[in-house]
Amino acid sequence: MRYHKILIIAGFLIIWTFVFYYFMLRNSIDFPLPENDYRRKMMFKKIENQVKQELKKSEKLTNAVLRYLKLNYPSEVSSNKRRESQTPQQKDQAPQLQLVGVVPLTDKEQQTVMGLVEPPEQEQNHLELPHVETTISHLKDGQPIIPILVLACNRVSIAKCLDNLIQYRPNAEQFPIIVSQDCADEATRNVILSYEPQLTLVEQPDQSDIFVPPKEKKFKGYYKISRHYSWALNYTFSQGYEYVVIVEDDLNVAPDFYEYFLGTHHLLKQDPSLWCISAWNDNGKAKFIDASHPELLYRTDFFPGLGWMLTKNLWQELSVKWPKSFWDDWIRHPEQRKNRVCIRPEISRTRTFGKIGVSNGLFFDKYLRYIKLSEEFVPFTQLNLSYLLKDNYDNTFLKKVYTLPIVTYDELRRRLISKDGPVRIQYINREQYKRITKMLGLMDDFKSGVPRTAYHGIVSFFYEKRRVYLAPNLNWKGYDLSWS
C-alpha cells in the first residue's frame, strides 16, 4: 500500500506541473501576453523552457522514489509485479504476505537514492542487490521463516554441505537455503546451480582487489571474507527476515539442526542478554561430552560461530561498524559483546570438514576433526528451555558449581576421588588455566580474555563419565583482556 500511495503522489506532482503551466499560458488576466509577435514568441519560449525544467525535476523525483522503494521494500515491489501479471482468479488465490521492516540505509545511501549525490562505482554494486523470490517473513501459523545463509567461495566440496542441509530440511518453505558465493569460481558456481530449485544462488558483485596494509598481505583472505559477510547479511536481511542462520561451505549438520534453531530462536527475543544461538561446542570431542544427554544446552560468554543464528536487530547494530577483516575476533571484543552471551550445545550440531582454507588448517588436526556430531534427533521445540534465561540459569548454574567439592587434575587423572558425581577444579591465573587445559586436552586459548565455552569463567566438560567444571575462585572479578 505504501508503494501505491507514493506513486499516486508522484503522479499528482507531474499532473500538477502540466495544469499549472497550462493556465499560465492561457490565462490572459494573470499573464497578459504582449502584442508584439516577437515578444510573444519569446514569452512562450521562456515559459516552455520552464515547463520542461519542471517536468525533468518531476521525472527525477519519480525515479528517485522508485529507486528508494526498490531498495527499502524489495519484497513489496516484487509482490506487486507478480500480482499484476496474474489472472483475476490467481489474484484471489494468492497468499497474503506479512512483511517485516528492513535494514535502514546509511545517510550517504539515502542521499544517493534520492538523487542528491552520485554513488561511486563500488557503492552502486553494493546498492544493486539481486532478487530472491521468497520474501515472506512468517508462515500462516505465525512461525518465522528462517533462511539458512551458506557462505561459499571456491570449494566444490560444498556439495557435502548442501546435501546435508537438503537431506535434513523438514520444510523448504520455512527454511529457504540462500547460497551467497564470493570469488566467482565457475566450478563451484556450477555445483551450486545443480541444486536449483532447492536453493537460491546469489553472487557477491564486488570482485575488485581489496586494500590490505603491507604488513597484513598474507591475511588478504580474511579481508575478503569480512567483505563477503557484510554484503551477504545486508542482502539477506533486506528481504525482510527476522532471523538468519549462517553456515559456511565446509560444514556438515546434524539430523536435528533445524529443530535446534527452531526450538531456541524465541530465546533471542525473550532475553536481551542473549545475542546468538550457536550449533558448535569448541570442546566437543567425543571424550569431553556426555553422549547420554544430547538435549543439554549451555550459556557461554565465548562466541562459538560455526553454524549460528542472529537477529535482524543485532545485524543493524553490528553492520554500521563491521570490520574490514577478522570479523570473528572483532565480534568477541567487549565493545561488541557488551556482556551478551550465546547458547551452545553439549554435542555439536555442526562439524567442519574444511581443513584447507584461509586459516591453513589452524586447529584442524589437533581439535576440529575430532568434534563429535550429534546423531540423535532431539525435539527441542517440545522442551522447556526457560532454564537458559539469564535469571534462571545464573541462580542454578553458579550456585551448583560453587557448592561442588574441589579436586586437582592429578586426583582426577589418577581416579583418586572417592565419591561419584560432578567436581570442580579451581584455577587462579592464566598460566594455571593453560597448564590444566593442555594436560586435559581442552582448547587452551583465549579471545578477548574469554576461554572457549566459558561462562563466568567456568568451563564445563565431561571426563571419564564425570561432569567437571574448571572454574575461577568464587570472588572472580571478570575477564582479563591481557590473558589473550
Protein backbone atom coordinates (compact mmCIF):
# COMPACT_ATOMS: atom_id res chain seq x y z
CA MET A 1 0.00 0.00 0.00
CA ARG A 2 2.85 2.40 0.80
CA TYR A 3 4.22 1.76 -2.70
CA HIS A 4 0.91 2.72 -4.38
CA LYS A 5 0.46 5.83 -2.24
CA ILE A 6 3.88 7.18 -3.15
CA LEU A 7 3.27 6.51 -6.85
CA ILE A 8 -0.03 8.43 -6.62
CA ILE A 9 1.77 11.37 -5.01
CA ALA A 10 4.46 11.35 -7.69
CA GLY A 11 1.84 11.20 -10.44
CA PHE A 12 -0.04 14.08 -8.86
CA LEU A 13 3.13 16.21 -8.94
CA ILE A 14 3.54 15.62 -12.67
CA ILE A 15 -0.11 16.38 -13.48
CA TRP A 16 0.01 19.47 -11.30
CA THR A 17 3.00 20.75 -13.28
CA PHE A 18 1.13 20.41 -16.58
CA VAL A 19 -2.05 22.04 -15.25
CA PHE A 20 -0.23 24.92 -13.60
CA TYR A 21 1.73 25.93 -16.69
CA TYR A 22 -1.26 25.37 -18.99
CA PHE A 23 -3.18 28.07 -17.11
CA MET A 24 -0.11 30.28 -17.09
CA LEU A 25 -0.17 30.20 -20.87
CA ARG A 26 -3.95 30.57 -21.32
CA ASN A 27 -4.98 32.99 -18.61
CA SER A 28 -4.65 36.44 -20.13
CA ILE A 29 -5.77 38.21 -16.98
CA ASP A 30 -2.98 36.99 -14.74
CA PHE A 31 -0.44 36.65 -17.51
CA PRO A 32 -1.25 39.15 -20.31
CA LEU A 33 0.62 38.37 -23.50
CA PRO A 34 2.49 41.19 -25.30
CA GLU A 35 1.05 42.39 -28.56
CA ASN A 36 4.37 42.29 -30.36
CA ASP A 37 4.71 38.87 -32.09
CA TYR A 38 8.41 38.61 -31.37
CA ARG A 39 7.98 39.38 -27.70
CA ARG A 40 5.03 36.98 -27.58
CA LYS A 41 7.13 34.19 -29.07
CA MET A 42 9.93 34.88 -26.60
CA MET A 43 7.48 34.75 -23.71
CA PHE A 44 6.12 31.41 -24.94
CA LYS A 45 9.66 30.11 -25.36
CA LYS A 46 10.63 31.14 -21.85
CA ILE A 47 7.53 29.52 -20.32
CA GLU A 48 8.08 26.39 -22.42
CA ASN A 49 11.61 26.06 -21.08
CA GLN A 50 10.33 26.45 -17.52
CA VAL A 51 7.77 23.69 -18.13
CA LYS A 52 10.49 21.38 -19.45
CA GLN A 53 12.68 22.05 -16.42
CA GLU A 54 9.81 21.32 -14.05
CA LEU A 55 9.00 18.12 -15.93
CA LYS A 56 12.61 16.98 -15.60
CA LYS A 57 12.51 17.68 -11.87
CA SER A 58 9.27 15.72 -11.53
CA GLU A 59 10.67 12.83 -13.55
CA LYS A 60 13.85 12.81 -11.45
CA LEU A 61 11.81 12.82 -8.25
CA THR A 62 9.63 9.96 -9.50
CA ASN A 63 12.68 7.86 -10.45
CA ALA A 64 14.29 8.58 -7.09
CA VAL A 65 11.11 7.47 -5.30
CA LEU A 66 11.03 4.27 -7.35
CA ARG A 67 14.69 3.51 -6.62
CA TYR A 68 14.11 4.16 -2.93
CA LEU A 69 11.12 1.79 -2.92
CA LYS A 70 13.04 -0.96 -4.67
CA LEU A 71 15.82 -0.77 -2.08
CA ASN A 72 13.70 -0.44 1.05
CA TYR A 73 10.67 -2.53 0.03
CA PRO A 74 12.00 -5.08 -2.48
CA SER A 75 9.55 -7.74 -1.36
CA GLU A 76 6.54 -5.43 -1.75
CA VAL A 77 7.64 -4.23 -5.19
CA SER A 78 8.27 -7.76 -6.48
CA SER A 79 4.97 -8.91 -4.96
CA ASN A 80 3.06 -6.15 -6.80
CA LYS A 81 4.76 -7.04 -10.09
CA ARG A 82 3.85 -10.70 -9.69
CA ARG A 83 0.24 -9.87 -8.80
CA GLU A 84 -0.11 -7.56 -11.83
CA SER A 85 0.90 -10.46 -14.10
CA GLN A 86 -1.67 -12.82 -12.55
CA THR A 87 -5.18 -13.52 -13.74
CA PRO A 88 -8.09 -12.31 -11.54
CA GLN A 89 -8.54 -15.90 -10.33
CA GLN A 90 -4.87 -16.21 -9.39
CA LYS A 91 -5.01 -12.91 -7.53
CA ASP A 92 -7.87 -14.19 -5.39
CA GLN A 93 -5.83 -17.30 -4.54
CA ALA A 94 -2.55 -15.50 -3.88
CA PRO A 95 -1.37 -15.67 -0.24
CA GLN A 96 -1.24 -12.54 1.86
CA LEU A 97 2.34 -11.57 2.58
CA GLN A 98 3.38 -10.39 6.02
CA LEU A 99 6.33 -8.05 5.62
CA VAL A 100 8.83 -7.01 8.24
CA GLY A 101 10.97 -3.86 8.39
CA VAL A 102 14.28 -3.88 6.60
CA VAL A 103 17.81 -2.75 7.34
CA PRO A 104 17.90 1.07 7.16
CA LEU A 105 20.14 2.81 4.67
CA THR A 106 23.05 4.93 5.81
CA ASP A 107 22.86 8.71 5.39
CA LYS A 108 25.09 8.51 2.33
CA GLU A 109 22.98 5.76 0.75
CA GLN A 110 19.80 7.75 1.40
CA GLN A 111 21.34 10.77 -0.31
CA THR A 112 22.36 8.58 -3.23
CA VAL A 113 18.89 7.08 -3.62
CA MET A 114 17.20 10.48 -3.50
CA GLY A 115 19.50 11.75 -6.23
CA LEU A 116 21.47 14.17 -4.05
CA VAL A 117 24.86 12.60 -4.76
CA GLU A 118 26.15 10.25 -7.42
CA PRO A 119 27.37 6.93 -5.96
CA PRO A 120 30.86 5.71 -6.83
CA GLU A 121 31.05 2.55 -8.89
CA GLN A 122 31.69 0.17 -5.96
CA GLU A 123 28.84 1.62 -3.91
CA GLN A 124 26.47 1.13 -6.83
CA ASN A 125 27.36 -2.55 -6.75
CA HIS A 126 26.54 -2.58 -3.05
CA LEU A 127 23.13 -1.00 -3.63
CA GLU A 128 22.10 -3.15 -6.60
CA LEU A 129 21.02 -6.29 -4.76
CA PRO A 130 19.84 -9.43 -6.56
CA HIS A 131 16.30 -10.63 -6.05
CA VAL A 132 15.10 -13.62 -4.03
CA GLU A 133 11.61 -14.83 -4.89
CA THR A 134 10.54 -15.84 -1.36
CA THR A 135 10.25 -12.73 0.78
CA ILE A 136 7.56 -13.85 3.21
CA SER A 137 8.84 -13.46 6.76
CA HIS A 138 6.33 -15.67 8.58
CA LEU A 139 4.21 -18.71 7.83
CA LYS A 140 0.44 -18.60 8.14
CA ASP A 141 0.64 -20.04 11.67
CA GLY A 142 2.93 -17.19 12.77
CA GLN A 143 6.13 -19.25 12.84
CA PRO A 144 9.10 -17.31 11.44
CA ILE A 145 10.74 -18.22 8.18
CA ILE A 146 14.42 -18.75 8.99
CA PRO A 147 16.73 -18.68 5.96
CA ILE A 148 19.94 -20.70 6.01
CA LEU A 149 22.64 -18.44 4.57
CA VAL A 150 25.52 -20.51 3.18
CA LEU A 151 28.76 -18.56 2.61
CA ALA A 152 30.63 -20.04 -0.34
CA CYS A 153 33.77 -19.28 -2.33
CA ASN A 154 35.80 -21.83 -4.29
CA ARG A 155 35.09 -25.18 -2.61
CA VAL A 156 33.45 -27.66 -4.96
CA SER A 157 33.12 -29.81 -1.84
CA ILE A 158 30.25 -27.51 -0.89
CA ALA A 159 28.16 -30.37 -2.28
CA LYS A 160 28.71 -32.21 1.04
CA CYS A 161 27.28 -29.26 2.93
CA LEU A 162 24.31 -28.78 0.60
CA ASP A 163 23.46 -32.49 0.52
CA ASN A 164 23.31 -32.45 4.32
CA LEU A 165 21.22 -29.29 4.54
CA ILE A 166 18.70 -30.54 1.99
CA GLN A 167 18.59 -34.06 3.43
CA TYR A 168 17.57 -32.92 6.92
CA ARG A 169 15.46 -29.89 5.99
CA PRO A 170 11.93 -30.52 7.29
CA ASN A 171 10.24 -27.69 5.38
CA ALA A 172 11.64 -25.86 2.36
CA GLU A 173 9.16 -23.01 2.83
CA GLN A 174 10.21 -22.32 6.42
CA PHE A 175 13.94 -22.85 5.81
CA PRO A 176 14.89 -21.42 2.42
CA ILE A 177 18.55 -22.00 1.60
CA ILE A 178 20.38 -18.98 0.19
CA VAL A 179 23.92 -19.60 -1.05
CA SER A 180 26.00 -16.45 -1.33
CA GLN A 181 29.09 -17.03 -3.44
CA ASP A 182 32.22 -14.89 -3.46
CA CYS A 183 35.38 -15.48 -5.57
CA ALA A 184 33.47 -16.01 -8.87
CA ASP A 185 34.77 -19.57 -9.11
CA GLU A 186 32.99 -21.16 -12.07
CA ALA A 187 33.36 -24.79 -10.96
CA THR A 188 31.86 -24.04 -7.53
CA ARG A 189 29.11 -21.97 -9.12
CA ASN A 190 28.12 -24.90 -11.37
CA VAL A 191 27.94 -27.23 -8.37
CA ILE A 192 25.64 -24.80 -6.54
CA LEU A 193 23.42 -24.27 -9.59
CA SER A 194 22.96 -28.03 -9.93
CA TYR A 195 20.87 -27.88 -6.71
CA GLU A 196 18.32 -25.40 -8.02
CA PRO A 197 15.40 -25.00 -7.40
CA GLN A 198 16.06 -26.40 -3.91
CA LEU A 199 18.10 -23.31 -3.11
CA THR A 200 18.81 -19.81 -4.40
CA LEU A 201 22.23 -18.65 -5.52
CA VAL A 202 23.26 -15.00 -5.14
CA GLU A 203 26.70 -13.71 -6.05
CA GLN A 204 28.76 -11.08 -4.27
CA PRO A 205 29.16 -8.45 -7.01
CA ASP A 206 32.33 -6.71 -5.82
CA GLN A 207 35.21 -8.83 -7.07
CA SER A 208 37.67 -5.93 -7.13
CA ASP A 209 41.00 -6.19 -5.38
CA ILE A 210 40.86 -5.20 -1.75
CA PHE A 211 43.24 -2.88 0.08
CA VAL A 212 45.36 -4.63 2.70
CA PRO A 213 48.06 -2.93 4.79
CA PRO A 214 51.52 -4.11 3.66
CA LYS A 215 52.15 -5.93 6.95
CA GLU A 216 48.94 -7.95 6.53
CA LYS A 217 49.24 -9.05 2.89
CA LYS A 218 49.15 -12.71 3.92
CA PHE A 219 45.77 -12.09 5.56
CA LYS A 220 44.02 -10.78 2.42
CA GLY A 221 41.65 -13.75 2.51
CA TYR A 222 40.28 -12.59 5.87
CA TYR A 223 39.57 -9.15 4.39
CA LYS A 224 37.60 -10.68 1.55
CA ILE A 225 35.66 -12.93 3.92
CA SER A 226 34.65 -9.94 6.05
CA ARG A 227 33.50 -8.03 2.95
CA HIS A 228 31.51 -11.04 1.82
CA TYR A 229 29.81 -11.48 5.21
CA SER A 230 28.78 -7.84 5.19
CA TRP A 231 27.27 -7.99 1.72
CA ALA A 232 25.54 -11.35 2.24
CA LEU A 233 23.94 -10.37 5.55
CA ASN A 234 22.85 -6.98 4.23
CA TYR A 235 21.25 -8.72 1.29
CA THR A 236 19.51 -11.46 3.27
CA PHE A 237 18.06 -9.19 5.95
CA SER A 238 16.92 -6.75 3.26
CA GLN A 239 14.44 -9.46 2.23
CA GLY A 240 12.51 -8.88 5.45
CA TYR A 241 13.57 -11.84 7.60
CA GLU A 242 13.77 -11.63 11.40
CA TYR A 243 16.41 -14.33 11.84
CA VAL A 244 19.24 -15.80 9.78
CA VAL A 245 21.32 -18.93 10.40
CA ILE A 246 24.83 -18.66 8.94
CA VAL A 247 26.58 -21.77 7.66
CA GLU A 248 29.92 -21.85 5.89
CA ASP A 249 30.52 -24.14 2.93
CA ASP A 250 32.65 -26.64 4.86
CA LEU A 251 30.11 -27.68 7.50
CA ASN A 252 28.02 -30.81 7.90
CA VAL A 253 24.89 -30.56 10.06
CA ALA A 254 23.16 -32.92 12.48
CA PRO A 255 19.74 -34.51 11.88
CA ASP A 256 18.12 -32.09 14.37
CA PHE A 257 19.99 -29.00 13.13
CA TYR A 258 16.79 -27.24 12.04
CA GLU A 259 14.86 -28.39 15.10
CA TYR A 260 17.62 -26.96 17.30
CA PHE A 261 17.28 -23.44 15.89
CA LEU A 262 13.51 -23.62 15.68
CA GLY A 263 13.34 -24.55 19.36
CA THR A 264 15.75 -21.85 20.53
CA HIS A 265 15.10 -18.84 18.27
CA HIS A 266 12.49 -17.34 20.61
CA LEU A 267 15.10 -17.08 23.38
CA LEU A 268 16.84 -14.32 21.43
CA LYS A 269 13.68 -12.23 21.70
CA GLN A 270 12.89 -13.12 25.30
CA ASP A 271 16.32 -12.48 26.81
CA PRO A 272 18.26 -9.30 25.89
CA SER A 273 21.40 -10.81 27.43
CA LEU A 274 21.48 -13.34 24.55
CA TRP A 275 22.81 -12.36 21.14
CA CYS A 276 23.36 -15.63 19.28
CA ILE A 277 22.47 -19.30 19.15
CA SER A 278 25.40 -21.49 18.07
CA ALA A 279 25.38 -25.11 16.98
CA TRP A 280 29.05 -25.56 17.95
CA ASN A 281 30.90 -26.78 21.05
CA ASP A 282 34.61 -25.87 20.91
CA ASN A 283 35.40 -28.66 23.36
CA GLY A 284 33.04 -31.10 21.69
CA LYS A 285 35.43 -34.03 21.27
CA ALA A 286 33.77 -37.37 21.97
CA LYS A 287 35.71 -37.87 25.21
CA PHE A 288 34.58 -34.49 26.62
CA ILE A 289 30.82 -34.77 26.05
CA ASP A 290 28.01 -36.59 27.81
CA ALA A 291 26.62 -38.61 24.91
CA SER A 292 23.67 -39.73 27.04
CA HIS A 293 22.31 -36.17 27.22
CA PRO A 294 22.23 -34.65 23.71
CA GLU A 295 19.49 -32.27 24.84
CA LEU A 296 21.81 -30.32 27.18
CA LEU A 297 22.37 -26.67 26.29
CA TYR A 298 24.52 -24.01 27.96
CA ARG A 299 25.07 -20.27 28.09
CA THR A 300 28.56 -19.16 27.05
CA ASP A 301 30.38 -15.83 27.04
CA PHE A 302 32.53 -17.10 24.18
CA PHE A 303 31.21 -16.53 20.65
CA PRO A 304 31.44 -20.00 19.02
CA GLY A 305 30.26 -19.35 15.44
CA LEU A 306 30.35 -22.36 13.04
CA GLY A 307 26.62 -22.53 12.40
CA TRP A 308 24.97 -19.68 14.31
CA MET A 309 21.80 -17.63 14.40
CA LEU A 310 21.44 -13.88 14.80
CA THR A 311 18.54 -11.45 14.59
CA LYS A 312 17.89 -8.54 12.26
CA ASN A 313 18.19 -6.13 15.20
CA LEU A 314 21.67 -7.40 16.05
CA TRP A 315 22.78 -7.06 12.44
CA GLN A 316 21.50 -3.48 12.34
CA GLU A 317 23.69 -2.80 15.35
CA LEU A 318 26.82 -4.51 14.01
CA SER A 319 26.58 -3.66 10.30
CA VAL A 320 27.30 0.05 10.75
CA LYS A 321 30.70 -0.73 12.27
CA TRP A 322 31.51 -4.06 10.60
CA PRO A 323 35.29 -4.60 10.45
CA LYS A 324 37.42 -4.88 7.32
CA SER A 325 38.92 -8.18 8.49
CA PHE A 326 38.92 -10.84 11.22
CA TRP A 327 35.22 -10.35 11.88
CA ASP A 328 35.01 -13.33 14.29
CA ASP A 329 37.73 -11.97 16.59
CA TRP A 330 36.21 -8.49 16.33
CA ILE A 331 32.77 -9.72 17.34
CA ARG A 332 34.28 -11.15 20.53
CA HIS A 333 35.60 -7.77 21.70
CA PRO A 334 33.88 -6.34 24.79
CA GLU A 335 32.78 -3.31 22.73
CA GLN A 336 30.69 -5.60 20.54
CA ARG A 337 29.72 -8.32 23.00
CA LYS A 338 28.59 -5.92 25.73
CA ASN A 339 28.40 -8.82 28.22
CA ARG A 340 25.91 -10.65 26.00
CA VAL A 341 26.17 -14.41 25.61
CA CYS A 342 25.34 -17.24 23.22
CA ILE A 343 23.63 -20.58 23.62
CA ARG A 344 25.72 -23.63 22.69
CA PRO A 345 25.01 -27.38 22.83
CA GLU A 346 26.62 -30.21 24.77
CA ILE A 347 27.03 -32.08 21.47
CA SER A 348 27.75 -30.05 18.34
CA ARG A 349 25.09 -29.81 15.64
CA THR A 350 27.76 -28.93 13.07
CA ARG A 351 31.14 -30.38 12.14
CA THR A 352 33.73 -28.91 9.81
CA PHE A 353 35.47 -30.83 7.03
CA GLY A 354 37.36 -27.77 5.73
CA LYS A 355 40.98 -28.38 6.55
CA ILE A 356 42.17 -26.30 3.58
CA GLY A 357 41.20 -22.62 3.69
CA VAL A 358 42.41 -19.15 4.63
CA SER A 359 43.28 -20.38 8.14
CA ASN A 360 45.61 -23.04 6.68
CA GLY A 361 44.09 -25.76 8.84
CA LEU A 362 44.60 -23.94 12.14
CA PHE A 363 43.41 -26.25 14.98
CA PHE A 364 42.00 -28.75 12.46
CA ASP A 365 44.28 -31.75 13.03
CA LYS A 366 44.51 -31.24 16.78
CA TYR A 367 40.89 -30.35 17.64
CA LEU A 368 38.35 -29.71 14.89
CA ARG A 369 38.48 -33.05 13.10
CA TYR A 370 37.59 -34.83 16.38
CA ILE A 371 34.45 -32.82 17.16
CA LYS A 372 31.53 -35.20 17.66
CA LEU A 373 28.46 -34.51 15.51
CA SER A 374 25.18 -35.33 17.23
CA GLU A 375 23.37 -38.27 15.64
CA GLU A 376 20.16 -38.27 17.68
CA PHE A 377 17.09 -36.17 16.98
CA VAL A 378 16.12 -34.06 19.99
CA PRO A 379 12.63 -32.45 19.84
CA PHE A 380 13.79 -29.03 21.06
CA THR A 381 10.50 -27.37 20.11
CA GLN A 382 8.76 -29.56 22.69
CA LEU A 383 11.23 -28.91 25.53
CA ASN A 384 11.01 -26.25 28.20
CA LEU A 385 14.16 -24.20 27.61
CA SER A 386 13.37 -21.42 30.07
CA TYR A 387 16.26 -22.64 32.25
CA LEU A 388 18.56 -20.90 29.73
CA LEU A 389 17.18 -17.44 30.51
CA LYS A 390 19.69 -15.40 32.46
CA ASP A 391 17.98 -15.16 35.85
CA ASN A 392 17.02 -18.85 35.89
CA TYR A 393 20.41 -20.03 34.69
CA ASP A 394 22.54 -17.90 37.00
CA ASN A 395 20.52 -18.82 40.07
CA THR A 396 21.06 -22.55 39.49
CA PHE A 397 24.28 -22.97 37.49
CA LEU A 398 26.55 -20.70 39.53
CA LYS A 399 25.18 -21.90 42.85
CA LYS A 400 25.63 -25.53 41.80
CA VAL A 401 29.24 -25.08 40.60
CA TYR A 402 30.47 -23.34 43.73
CA THR A 403 29.00 -25.91 46.09
CA LEU A 404 30.88 -28.79 44.42
CA PRO A 405 33.98 -30.33 46.01
CA ILE A 406 37.33 -29.01 44.74
CA VAL A 407 39.77 -31.56 43.32
CA THR A 408 43.10 -31.36 41.48
CA TYR A 409 43.84 -32.50 37.97
CA ASP A 410 46.14 -35.19 39.34
CA GLU A 411 43.37 -36.59 41.57
CA LEU A 412 41.01 -36.59 38.59
CA ARG A 413 43.52 -38.28 36.27
CA ARG A 414 44.53 -40.95 38.80
CA ARG A 415 40.93 -41.58 39.84
CA LEU A 416 41.60 -40.73 43.46
CA ILE A 417 38.18 -39.11 44.01
CA SER A 418 36.18 -41.25 46.41
CA LYS A 419 32.68 -40.05 45.55
CA ASP A 420 30.80 -40.15 42.27
CA GLY A 421 29.25 -37.01 40.80
CA PRO A 422 30.42 -33.67 39.46
CA VAL A 423 33.52 -31.92 40.77
CA ARG A 424 35.30 -28.60 40.43
CA ILE A 425 38.91 -27.86 39.51
CA GLN A 426 39.96 -24.34 40.51
CA TYR A 427 42.36 -22.04 38.67
CA ILE A 428 43.57 -18.62 39.81
CA ASN A 429 45.65 -17.29 36.91
CA ARG A 430 46.22 -17.60 33.18
CA GLU A 431 49.24 -19.90 33.42
CA GLN A 432 47.45 -22.31 35.71
CA TYR A 433 44.44 -22.42 33.39
CA LYS A 434 46.57 -23.12 30.30
CA ARG A 435 48.55 -25.81 32.08
CA ILE A 436 45.41 -27.67 33.19
CA THR A 437 43.68 -27.43 29.80
CA LYS A 438 46.77 -28.66 27.96
CA MET A 439 47.07 -31.66 30.27
CA LEU A 440 43.37 -32.44 29.77
CA GLY A 441 43.44 -31.86 26.01
CA LEU A 442 40.92 -28.98 26.01
CA MET A 443 41.37 -25.92 23.82
CA ASP A 444 43.56 -23.58 25.85
CA ASP A 445 43.39 -20.24 24.00
CA PHE A 446 41.56 -17.02 24.89
CA LYS A 447 39.76 -14.43 22.77
CA SER A 448 39.43 -11.02 24.42
CA GLY A 449 40.32 -12.78 27.67
CA VAL A 450 37.48 -15.32 27.41
CA PRO A 451 38.29 -19.06 27.41
CA ARG A 452 36.43 -21.16 24.85
CA THR A 453 32.97 -22.30 26.05
CA ALA A 454 33.37 -20.34 29.32
CA TYR A 455 30.50 -18.78 31.24
CA HIS A 456 31.55 -16.52 34.12
CA GLY A 457 34.98 -18.02 33.60
CA ILE A 458 33.66 -21.57 34.11
CA VAL A 459 34.39 -24.25 31.51
CA SER A 460 32.16 -27.33 31.67
CA PHE A 461 33.19 -30.70 30.20
CA PHE A 462 32.81 -34.45 30.71
CA TYR A 463 35.75 -36.57 31.81
CA GLU A 464 35.56 -40.34 32.23
CA LYS A 465 31.83 -40.36 32.99
CA ARG A 466 32.06 -37.43 35.36
CA ARG A 467 30.98 -33.81 34.95
CA VAL A 468 33.88 -31.44 35.66
CA TYR A 469 33.85 -27.67 36.00
CA LEU A 470 37.11 -25.79 35.51
CA ALA A 471 36.33 -22.62 37.42
CA PRO A 472 37.98 -19.48 38.82
CA ASN A 473 37.74 -18.78 42.52
CA LEU A 474 34.49 -17.56 43.98
CA ASN A 475 35.45 -13.85 44.03
CA TRP A 476 36.11 -13.80 40.27
CA LYS A 477 36.15 -10.19 39.01
CA GLY A 478 35.61 -10.73 35.30
CA TYR A 479 37.64 -11.47 32.18
CA ASP A 480 41.12 -10.01 31.83
CA LEU A 481 41.96 -8.82 28.30
CA SER A 482 45.67 -9.36 28.99
CA TRP A 483 45.07 -13.12 29.08
CA SER A 484 44.57 -13.19 25.29
